[in-house]
Amino acid sequence: MARSILITGCSSGIGLCVARGLADRGHRVVASVRHAEAIARWPHVDIPVVQLDLSDDASIDAGLAAALSHTGGRLDALFNNGAFGLPGAVEDLSRAALRAQFETNLFGWQVLTNRVIVLMRAQGFGRIIQNSSVLGIAALPFRGAYVASKFALEGLSDTLRMELKGTGIAVSLIEPGPIESRFRANAEAAFRRFIPIETSVHAIAYQKQLARLNQPGIAAPFTLPPEAVLKRV
């Protein structure tokens, strides 16, 4: 049976792959992207795409309304996926840096999820799928902001699952390791924006981080294609 699903973070990588894969299976997919220019270059004419910036409540509301206009007001599932990584030592993380990381990786997800829960309660069913990370259960040096956002997501999701027991709404977590995507490119931009790379006591380590972020090809030998996540959705 075809299901309707809203997927966030579909400009590239996991979101783009999952949107295409679920549509090919016959499901009614609505993809969302953060920036309007990404809509102009959206490659799949058979999959509707809406703008939804997880750091902006008004954009979340508008994006969800637009998505529901494509599904007849019904939503069987939400795949929360839009996120970015912010490299940097914990002692170099400013309030602004942490806020930016959490606005997109946690707060925006929670706002969108809460909006969708209202709809799913009225329907009497639904599934919320959270694309977390292995870094939501294990820490890694120089990934403190991202790790913290994913640890928080894990806790909220586990609690939400218990609170929604008996409603017909399920909550699932996916915890992938490294995946082929634009994650490193996006992480480098955030790194340069928020972290004092040259003046930090970690300057030498940061040069190694930059080299890794700019390394061509896969980041680690155990990196998987985004289809690995598609299989779990």
C-alpha atoms as a PDB file:
ATOM      1  CA  MET A   1       0.000   0.000   0.000  1.00  0.00           C
ATOM      2  CA  ALA A   2       1.361   3.430  -0.957  1.00  0.00           C
ATOM      3  CA  ARG A   3       2.134   5.708   1.985  1.00  0.00           C
ATOM      4  CA  SER A   4       2.644   9.467   2.141  1.00  0.00           C
ATOM      5  CA  ILE A   5       5.893  10.723   3.646  1.00  0.00           C
ATOM      6  CA  LEU A   6       7.609  14.075   4.154  1.00  0.00           C
ATOM      7  CA  ILE A   7      11.414  13.972   4.029  1.00  0.00           C
ATOM      8  CA  THR A   8      13.633  16.845   5.153  1.00  0.00           C
ATOM      9  CA  GLY A   9      17.137  17.648   3.956  1.00  0.00           C
ATOM     10  CA  CYS A  10      16.735  16.402   0.394  1.00  0.00           C
ATOM     11  CA  SER A  11      19.208  18.643  -1.439  1.00  0.00           C
ATOM     12  CA  SER A  12      21.745  15.819  -1.582  1.00  0.00           C
ATOM     13  CA  GLY A  13      22.972  12.664   0.094  1.00  0.00           C
ATOM     14  CA  ILE A  14      20.640  10.620   2.273  1.00  0.00           C
ATOM     15  CA  GLY A  15      17.545  12.766   1.799  1.00  0.00           C
ATOM     16  CA  LEU A  16      17.817  12.810  -1.978  1.00  0.00           C
ATOM     17  CA  CYS A  17      18.454   9.063  -2.113  1.00  0.00           C
ATOM     18  CA  VAL A  18      15.588   8.160   0.225  1.00  0.00           C
ATOM     19  CA  ALA A  19      13.152  10.434  -1.620  1.00  0.00           C
ATOM     20  CA  ARG A  20      13.996   8.790  -4.942  1.00  0.00           C
ATOM     21  CA  GLY A  21      14.008   5.285  -3.498  1.00  0.00           C
ATOM     22  CA  LEU A  22      10.640   5.550  -1.730  1.00  0.00           C
ATOM     23  CA  ALA A  23       9.037   7.178  -4.766  1.00  0.00           C
ATOM     24  CA  ASP A  24      10.298   4.299  -6.908  1.00  0.00           C
ATOM     25  CA  ARG A  25       8.572   1.920  -4.508  1.00  0.00           C
ATOM     26  CA  GLY A  26       5.298   3.675  -5.214  1.00  0.00           C
ATOM     27  CA  HIS A  27       5.037   5.830  -2.100  1.00  0.00           C
ATOM     28  CA  ARG A  28       3.752   9.396  -2.169  1.00  0.00           C
ATOM     29  CA  VAL A  29       6.875  11.383  -1.323  1.00  0.00           C
ATOM     30  CA  VAL A  30       7.194  15.098  -0.626  1.00  0.00           C
ATOM     31  CA  ALA A  31      10.800  16.277  -0.384  1.00  0.00           C
ATOM     32  CA  SER A  32      11.948  19.415   1.388  1.00  0.00           C
ATOM     33  CA  VAL A  33      15.073  21.543   0.969  1.00  0.00           C
ATOM     34  CA  ARG A  34      16.414  24.413   3.036  1.00  0.00           C
ATOM     35  CA  HIS A  35      17.185  26.925   0.280  1.00  0.00           C
ATOM     36  CA  ALA A  36      14.928  28.128  -2.516  1.00  0.00           C
ATOM     37  CA  GLU A  37      17.698  27.777  -5.100  1.00  0.00           C
ATOM     38  CA  ALA A  38      17.779  24.027  -4.424  1.00  0.00           C
ATOM     39  CA  ILE A  39      14.201  23.821  -5.699  1.00  0.00           C
ATOM     40  CA  ALA A  40      15.287  25.298  -9.036  1.00  0.00           C
ATOM     41  CA  ARG A  41      17.784  22.472  -9.542  1.00  0.00           C
ATOM     42  CA  TRP A  42      15.592  19.694  -8.111  1.00  0.00           C
ATOM     43  CA  PRO A  43      16.230  16.683 -10.394  1.00  0.00           C
ATOM     44  CA  HIS A  44      13.025  14.668  -9.930  1.00  0.00           C
ATOM     45  CA  VAL A  45       9.995  16.195 -11.638  1.00  0.00           C
ATOM     46  CA  ASP A  46       7.765  13.389 -10.356  1.00  0.00           C
ATOM     47  CA  ILE A  47       8.522  14.179  -6.686  1.00  0.00           C
ATOM     48  CA  PRO A  48       7.107  17.455  -5.306  1.00  0.00           C
ATOM     49  CA  VAL A  49       9.601  19.560  -3.388  1.00  0.00           C
ATOM     50  CA  VAL A  50       8.962  22.349  -0.878  1.00  0.00           C
ATOM     51  CA  GLN A  51      11.184  24.821   0.924  1.00  0.00           C
ATOM     52  CA  LEU A  52      11.552  24.133   4.649  1.00  0.00           C
ATOM     53  CA  ASP A  53      14.272  25.748   6.766  1.00  0.00           C
ATOM     54  CA  LEU A  54      14.525  23.892  10.076  1.00  0.00           C
ATOM     55  CA  SER A  55      16.044  26.936  11.789  1.00  0.00           C
ATOM     56  CA  ASP A  56      12.937  29.067  11.081  1.00  0.00           C
ATOM     57  CA  ASP A  57       9.524  28.277  12.618  1.00  0.00           C
ATOM     58  CA  ALA A  58       7.643  30.242   9.961  1.00  0.00           C
ATOM     59  CA  SER A  59       9.421  28.296   7.227  1.00  0.00           C
ATOM     60  CA  ILE A  60       8.580  25.031   8.990  1.00  0.00           C
ATOM     61  CA  ASP A  61       4.888  25.936   9.106  1.00  0.00           C
ATOM     62  CA  ALA A  62       4.825  27.069   5.490  1.00  0.00           C
ATOM     63  CA  GLY A  63       6.778  24.040   4.317  1.00  0.00           C
ATOM     64  CA  LEU A  64       4.518  21.608   6.150  1.00  0.00           C
ATOM     65  CA  ALA A  65       1.391  23.302   4.770  1.00  0.00           C
ATOM     66  CA  ALA A  66       2.816  23.088   1.254  1.00  0.00           C
ATOM     67  CA  ALA A  67       3.692  19.428   1.755  1.00  0.00           C
ATOM     68  CA  LEU A  68       0.178  18.583   2.959  1.00  0.00           C
ATOM     69  CA  SER A  69      -1.269  20.257  -0.130  1.00  0.00           C
ATOM     70  CA  HIS A  70       0.449  17.498  -2.123  1.00  0.00           C
ATOM     71  CA  THR A  71      -0.831  14.650   0.068  1.00  0.00           C
ATOM     72  CA  GLY A  72      -4.453  15.662   0.517  1.00  0.00           C
ATOM     73  CA  GLY A  73      -3.836  16.650   4.132  1.00  0.00           C
ATOM     74  CA  ARG A  74      -2.671  13.186   5.178  1.00  0.00           C
ATOM     75  CA  LEU A  75       0.804  12.166   6.303  1.00  0.00           C
ATOM     76  CA  ASP A  76       1.675   8.564   7.073  1.00  0.00           C
ATOM     77  CA  ALA A  77       5.297   9.245   7.948  1.00  0.00           C
ATOM     78  CA  LEU A  78       7.878  11.940   8.635  1.00  0.00           C
ATOM     79  CA  PHE A  79      11.566  11.300   7.984  1.00  0.00           C
ATOM     80  CA  ASN A  80      13.575  13.893   9.897  1.00  0.00           C
ATOM     81  CA  ASN A  81      16.913  14.031   8.130  1.00  0.00           C
ATOM     82  CA  GLY A  82      18.077  17.623   7.530  1.00  0.00           C
ATOM     83  CA  ALA A  83      21.196  18.302   9.610  1.00  0.00           C
ATOM     84  CA  PHE A  84      24.804  19.469   9.433  1.00  0.00           C
ATOM     85  CA  GLY A  85      28.015  18.826  11.337  1.00  0.00           C
ATOM     86  CA  LEU A  86      30.099  21.462  13.130  1.00  0.00           C
ATOM     87  CA  PRO A  87      33.674  20.320  13.803  1.00  0.00           C
ATOM     88  CA  GLY A  88      35.606  21.949  16.623  1.00  0.00           C
ATOM     89  CA  ALA A  89      36.860  21.346  20.146  1.00  0.00           C
ATOM     90  CA  VAL A  90      34.347  21.833  22.926  1.00  0.00           C
ATOM     91  CA  GLU A  91      36.401  24.677  24.428  1.00  0.00           C
ATOM     92  CA  ASP A  92      36.151  26.572  21.122  1.00  0.00           C
ATOM     93  CA  LEU A  93      32.354  26.325  20.889  1.00  0.00           C
ATOM     94  CA  SER A  94      30.613  29.653  21.388  1.00  0.00           C
ATOM     95  CA  ARG A  95      26.977  30.037  22.371  1.00  0.00           C
ATOM     96  CA  ALA A  96      26.257  31.072  18.785  1.00  0.00           C
ATOM     97  CA  ALA A  97      27.963  27.961  17.410  1.00  0.00           C
ATOM     98  CA  LEU A  98      26.048  25.591  19.673  1.00  0.00           C
ATOM     99  CA  ARG A  99      22.791  27.426  19.012  1.00  0.00           C
ATOM    100  CA  ALA A 100      23.264  27.119  15.244  1.00  0.00           C
ATOM    101  CA  GLN A 101      23.991  23.402  15.575  1.00  0.00           C
ATOM    102  CA  PHE A 102      20.980  22.740  17.784  1.00  0.00           C
ATOM    103  CA  GLU A 103      18.580  24.985  15.830  1.00  0.00           C
ATOM    104  CA  THR A 104      18.903  22.796  12.761  1.00  0.00           C
ATOM    105  CA  ASN A 105      19.780  19.395  14.244  1.00  0.00           C
ATOM    106  CA  LEU A 106      17.347  19.371  17.167  1.00  0.00           C
ATOM    107  CA  PHE A 107      15.054  22.355  17.735  1.00  0.00           C
ATOM    108  CA  GLY A 108      13.781  22.455  14.156  1.00  0.00           C
ATOM    109  CA  TRP A 109      13.177  18.709  14.157  1.00  0.00           C
ATOM    110  CA  GLN A 110      11.196  19.013  17.374  1.00  0.00           C
ATOM    111  CA  VAL A 111       9.056  21.887  16.083  1.00  0.00           C
ATOM    112  CA  LEU A 112       8.241  19.993  12.872  1.00  0.00           C
ATOM    113  CA  THR A 113       7.629  16.741  14.761  1.00  0.00           C
ATOM    114  CA  ASN A 114       5.229  18.430  17.173  1.00  0.00           C
ATOM    115  CA  ARG A 115       3.267  19.895  14.262  1.00  0.00           C
ATOM    116  CA  VAL A 116       3.071  16.493  12.586  1.00  0.00           C
ATOM    117  CA  ILE A 117       2.031  14.715  15.804  1.00  0.00           C
ATOM    118  CA  VAL A 118      -1.129  16.845  15.911  1.00  0.00           C
ATOM    119  CA  LEU A 119      -2.040  15.568  12.446  1.00  0.00           C
ATOM    120  CA  MET A 120      -1.114  11.978  13.228  1.00  0.00           C
ATOM    121  CA  ARG A 121      -3.156  11.988  16.441  1.00  0.00           C
ATOM    122  CA  ALA A 122      -6.178  13.092  14.438  1.00  0.00           C
ATOM    123  CA  GLN A 123      -5.510  10.302  11.927  1.00  0.00           C
ATOM    124  CA  GLY A 124      -4.910   7.737  14.655  1.00  0.00           C
ATOM    125  CA  PHE A 125      -1.666   6.514  13.103  1.00  0.00           C
ATOM    126  CA  GLY A 126       1.724   7.535  11.754  1.00  0.00           C
ATOM    127  CA  ARG A 127       5.449   6.969  11.987  1.00  0.00           C
ATOM    128  CA  ILE A 128       8.228   9.413  12.861  1.00  0.00           C
ATOM    129  CA  ILE A 129      11.665   8.315  11.671  1.00  0.00           C
ATOM    130  CA  GLN A 130      14.656  10.152  13.116  1.00  0.00           C
ATOM    131  CA  ASN A 131      17.918   9.946  11.202  1.00  0.00           C
ATOM    132  CA  SER A 132      20.322  10.134  14.108  1.00  0.00           C
ATOM    133  CA  SER A 133      23.934   8.929  13.982  1.00  0.00           C
ATOM    134  CA  VAL A 134      26.337   6.510  15.571  1.00  0.00           C
ATOM    135  CA  LEU A 135      27.599   9.743  17.194  1.00  0.00           C
ATOM    136  CA  GLY A 136      24.301   9.825  19.063  1.00  0.00           C
ATOM    137  CA  ILE A 137      25.530   6.892  21.140  1.00  0.00           C
ATOM    138  CA  ALA A 138      29.327   7.385  21.084  1.00  0.00           C
ATOM    139  CA  ALA A 139      31.471  10.517  21.345  1.00  0.00           C
ATOM    140  CA  LEU A 140      34.291  11.571  19.015  1.00  0.00           C
ATOM    141  CA  PRO A 141      36.943  14.279  19.553  1.00  0.00           C
ATOM    142  CA  PHE A 142      36.339  17.586  17.745  1.00  0.00           C
ATOM    143  CA  ARG A 143      32.704  16.675  17.086  1.00  0.00           C
ATOM    144  CA  GLY A 144      31.257  17.875  20.400  1.00  0.00           C
ATOM    145  CA  ALA A 145      28.500  20.111  19.020  1.00  0.00           C
ATOM    146  CA  TYR A 146      27.244  17.472  16.590  1.00  0.00           C
ATOM    147  CA  VAL A 147      27.566  14.697  19.186  1.00  0.00           C
ATOM    148  CA  ALA A 148      25.610  16.751  21.716  1.00  0.00           C
ATOM    149  CA  SER A 149      22.815  17.450  19.212  1.00  0.00           C
ATOM    150  CA  LYS A 150      22.508  13.749  18.375  1.00  0.00           C
ATOM    151  CA  PHE A 151      22.673  12.599  22.010  1.00  0.00           C
ATOM    152  CA  ALA A 152      19.847  15.043  22.732  1.00  0.00           C
ATOM    153  CA  LEU A 153      17.873  13.745  19.749  1.00  0.00           C
ATOM    154  CA  GLU A 154      18.235  10.174  20.989  1.00  0.00           C
ATOM    155  CA  GLY A 155      16.917  11.120  24.422  1.00  0.00           C
ATOM    156  CA  LEU A 156      13.966  13.083  23.093  1.00  0.00           C
ATOM    157  CA  SER A 157      13.073  10.340  20.626  1.00  0.00           C
ATOM    158  CA  ASP A 158      13.191   7.553  23.205  1.00  0.00           C
ATOM    159  CA  THR A 159      11.028   9.616  25.546  1.00  0.00           C
ATOM    160  CA  LEU A 160       8.593  10.521  22.778  1.00  0.00           C
ATOM    161  CA  ARG A 161       8.226   6.850  21.849  1.00  0.00           C
ATOM    162  CA  MET A 162       7.119   6.046  25.399  1.00  0.00           C
ATOM    163  CA  GLU A 163       4.761   9.010  25.570  1.00  0.00           C
ATOM    164  CA  LEU A 164       3.062   8.054  22.291  1.00  0.00           C
ATOM    165  CA  LYS A 165       2.485   4.434  23.302  1.00  0.00           C
ATOM    166  CA  GLY A 166      -1.063   3.419  22.440  1.00  0.00           C
ATOM    167  CA  THR A 167      -1.687   6.300  20.021  1.00  0.00           C
ATOM    168  CA  GLY A 168      -0.836   4.394  16.849  1.00  0.00           C
ATOM    169  CA  ILE A 169       2.166   6.681  16.287  1.00  0.00           C
ATOM    170  CA  ALA A 170       5.544   4.941  16.162  1.00  0.00           C
ATOM    171  CA  VAL A 171       8.957   6.576  16.656  1.00  0.00           C
ATOM    172  CA  SER A 172      12.066   5.023  15.079  1.00  0.00           C
ATOM    173  CA  LEU A 173      15.763   5.922  15.206  1.00  0.00           C
ATOM    174  CA  ILE A 174      18.347   5.203  12.522  1.00  0.00           C
ATOM    175  CA  GLU A 175      21.990   5.502  13.623  1.00  0.00           C
ATOM    176  CA  PRO A 176      24.260   5.404  10.552  1.00  0.00           C
ATOM    177  CA  GLY A 177      28.006   5.751  10.505  1.00  0.00           C
ATOM    178  CA  PRO A 178      29.803   7.644   7.702  1.00  0.00           C
ATOM    179  CA  ILE A 179      27.673   7.989   4.571  1.00  0.00           C
ATOM    180  CA  GLU A 180      28.664   9.256   1.124  1.00  0.00           C
ATOM    181  CA  SER A 181      27.177  12.769   0.930  1.00  0.00           C
ATOM    182  CA  ARG A 182      28.000  16.472   1.032  1.00  0.00           C
ATOM    183  CA  PHE A 183      28.311  16.268   4.811  1.00  0.00           C
ATOM    184  CA  ARG A 184      32.035  17.085   4.848  1.00  0.00           C
ATOM    185  CA  ALA A 185      31.654  20.071   2.520  1.00  0.00           C
ATOM    186  CA  ASN A 186      28.860  21.487   4.660  1.00  0.00           C
ATOM    187  CA  ALA A 187      30.845  20.765   7.830  1.00  0.00           C
ATOM    188  CA  GLU A 188      33.860  22.677   6.518  1.00  0.00           C
ATOM    189  CA  ALA A 189      31.730  25.759   5.872  1.00  0.00           C
ATOM    190  CA  ALA A 190      30.392  25.653   9.440  1.00  0.00           C
ATOM    191  CA  PHE A 191      33.895  24.991  10.795  1.00  0.00           C
ATOM    192  CA  ARG A 192      35.312  28.092   9.117  1.00  0.00           C
ATOM    193  CA  ARG A 193      32.325  30.206  10.176  1.00  0.00           C
ATOM    194  CA  PHE A 194      32.205  29.382  13.873  1.00  0.00           C
ATOM    195  CA  ILE A 195      35.612  28.104  15.014  1.00  0.00           C
ATOM    196  CA  PRO A 196      38.815  30.204  15.473  1.00  0.00           C
ATOM    197  CA  ILE A 197      40.868  27.756  13.439  1.00  0.00           C
ATOM    198  CA  GLU A 198      44.129  29.722  13.265  1.00  0.00           C
ATOM    199  CA  THR A 199      44.228  31.097  16.820  1.00  0.00           C
ATOM    200  CA  SER A 200      42.948  28.101  18.775  1.00  0.00           C
ATOM    201  CA  VAL A 201      45.230  26.001  20.964  1.00  0.00           C
ATOM    202  CA  HIS A 202      44.026  23.196  18.712  1.00  0.00           C
ATOM    203  CA  ALA A 203      45.292  24.928  15.552  1.00  0.00           C
ATOM    204  CA  ILE A 204      47.572  22.044  14.555  1.00  0.00           C
ATOM    205  CA  ALA A 205      44.820  19.477  15.062  1.00  0.00           C
ATOM    206  CA  TYR A 206      42.457  21.690  13.102  1.00  0.00           C
ATOM    207  CA  GLN A 207      44.740  21.636  10.077  1.00  0.00           C
ATOM    208  CA  LYS A 208      44.435  17.849  10.134  1.00  0.00           C
ATOM    209  CA  GLN A 209      40.665  18.214  10.387  1.00  0.00           C
ATOM    210  CA  LEU A 210      40.639  20.519   7.357  1.00  0.00           C
ATOM    211  CA  ALA A 211      42.777  18.094   5.390  1.00  0.00           C
ATOM    212  CA  ARG A 212      40.336  15.305   6.202  1.00  0.00           C
ATOM    213  CA  LEU A 213      37.331  17.435   5.252  1.00  0.00           C
ATOM    214  CA  ASN A 214      38.954  18.223   1.910  1.00  0.00           C
ATOM    215  CA  GLN A 215      40.135  14.693   1.239  1.00  0.00           C
ATOM    216  CA  PRO A 216      38.722  13.470  -2.079  1.00  0.00           C
ATOM    217  CA  GLY A 217      36.714  10.284  -2.095  1.00  0.00           C
ATOM    218  CA  ILE A 218      35.287   8.555   0.950  1.00  0.00           C
ATOM    219  CA  ALA A 219      36.189   9.729   4.462  1.00  0.00           C
ATOM    220  CA  ALA A 220      36.690   6.297   6.032  1.00  0.00           C
ATOM    221  CA  PRO A 221      37.061   2.726   4.753  1.00  0.00           C
ATOM    222  CA  PHE A 222      33.722   1.797   6.318  1.00  0.00           C
ATOM    223  CA  THR A 223      31.799   4.606   4.593  1.00  0.00           C
ATOM    224  CA  LEU A 224      28.515   3.397   3.124  1.00  0.00           C
ATOM    225  CA  PRO A 225      26.374   4.712   0.261  1.00  0.00           C
ATOM    226  CA  PRO A 226      23.124   6.513   1.185  1.00  0.00           C
ATOM    227  CA  GLU A 227      21.208   3.457  -0.022  1.00  0.00           C
ATOM    228  CA  ALA A 228      22.232   1.823   3.265  1.00  0.00           C
ATOM    229  CA  VAL A 229      19.934   4.271   5.081  1.00  0.00           C
ATOM    230  CA  LEU A 230      17.180   3.811   2.495  1.00  0.00           C
ATOM    231  CA  LYS A 231      17.066   0.117   3.404  1.00  0.00           C
ATOM    232  CA  ARG A 232      16.283   1.058   7.025  1.00  0.00           C
ATOM    233  CA  VAL A 233      13.548   3.610   6.366  1.00  0.00           C
END
